[in-house]
Protein backbone atom coordinates (compact mmCIF):
# COMPACT_ATOMS: atom_id res chain seq x y z
CA MET A 1 258.82 81.41 -2.81
CA GLN A 2 257.84 81.45 -6.31
CA THR A 3 255.25 84.00 -7.48
CA ASP A 4 253.97 85.29 -10.69
CA MET A 5 253.86 88.83 -11.97
CA PHE A 6 249.95 88.97 -10.97
CA ASP A 7 250.57 88.07 -7.28
CA ILE A 8 248.94 90.71 -5.14
CA VAL A 9 249.38 88.95 -1.71
CA ASP A 10 250.67 91.28 1.00
CA ARG A 11 253.66 89.23 2.38
CA SER A 12 254.47 91.61 5.13
CA LYS A 13 251.09 91.17 6.60
CA HIS A 14 251.30 87.36 6.48
CA ASP A 15 254.71 87.52 8.17
CA SER A 16 253.38 89.66 11.00
CA VAL A 17 250.52 87.29 11.70
CA MET A 18 252.83 84.30 11.61
CA LYS A 19 255.32 85.94 14.00
CA ALA A 20 252.36 86.81 16.33
CA MET A 21 251.20 83.17 16.21
CA ASP A 22 254.65 81.90 16.90
CA THR A 23 255.16 84.21 19.90
CA ILE A 24 251.70 83.03 21.34
CA ASN A 25 252.52 79.30 20.79
CA ARG A 26 255.94 79.83 22.31
CA THR A 27 254.52 81.46 25.39
CA MET A 28 251.28 79.67 25.88
CA GLY A 29 252.09 76.16 24.56
CA LYS A 30 252.23 74.30 21.31
CA ASP A 31 249.08 74.57 19.17
CA THR A 32 247.31 77.17 21.27
CA VAL A 33 246.87 79.19 18.20
CA ARG A 34 246.58 77.30 14.84
CA VAL A 35 245.74 78.03 11.11
CA GLY A 36 242.29 76.75 10.39
CA THR A 37 243.53 74.40 7.61
CA GLN A 38 245.33 72.41 10.32
CA GLY A 39 241.98 70.98 11.46
CA PHE A 40 240.79 70.74 15.02
CA ASN A 41 240.49 66.92 15.97
CA ARG A 42 243.28 64.99 14.47
CA HIS A 43 242.64 61.41 15.21
CA TRP A 44 245.58 59.95 13.16
CA TRP A 45 249.31 60.39 13.40
CA LEU A 46 252.01 59.76 10.82
CA LYS A 47 253.47 56.35 11.45
CA GLN A 48 257.18 56.55 11.16
CA GLU A 49 258.31 53.07 12.48
CA LYS A 50 259.24 51.93 8.98
CA LEU A 51 260.94 55.36 7.88
CA SER A 52 264.51 54.83 7.04
CA GLN A 53 267.07 56.79 9.03
CA CYS A 54 268.36 58.77 6.14
CA TYR A 55 264.67 59.48 4.89
CA THR A 56 265.41 57.75 1.49
CA THR A 57 268.38 59.95 0.87
CA ARG A 58 270.54 56.89 0.50
CA TRP A 59 269.72 54.25 -2.25
CA ASP A 60 270.78 51.32 0.04
CA GLN A 61 268.22 52.26 2.60
CA LEU A 62 265.20 52.08 0.26
CA PRO A 63 262.78 49.20 0.98
CA LEU A 64 262.88 46.45 -1.79
CA VAL A 65 259.65 45.31 -3.28
CA THR A 66 259.79 41.71 -4.63
């Protein structure tokens, strides 16, 4: 995590909230508790059928545009 010298965010508070959310989601089911920025009604999903197996870490698996 990169911060600046004027950073005043209490990281320990954020860590405890995230651990509590993870615990609830682990016991009650995925996405029982979410951060508000995740949204509520997600009507789209990432299409991964054209994703290379190595996630573009190999030059020979990049798609060619002609």
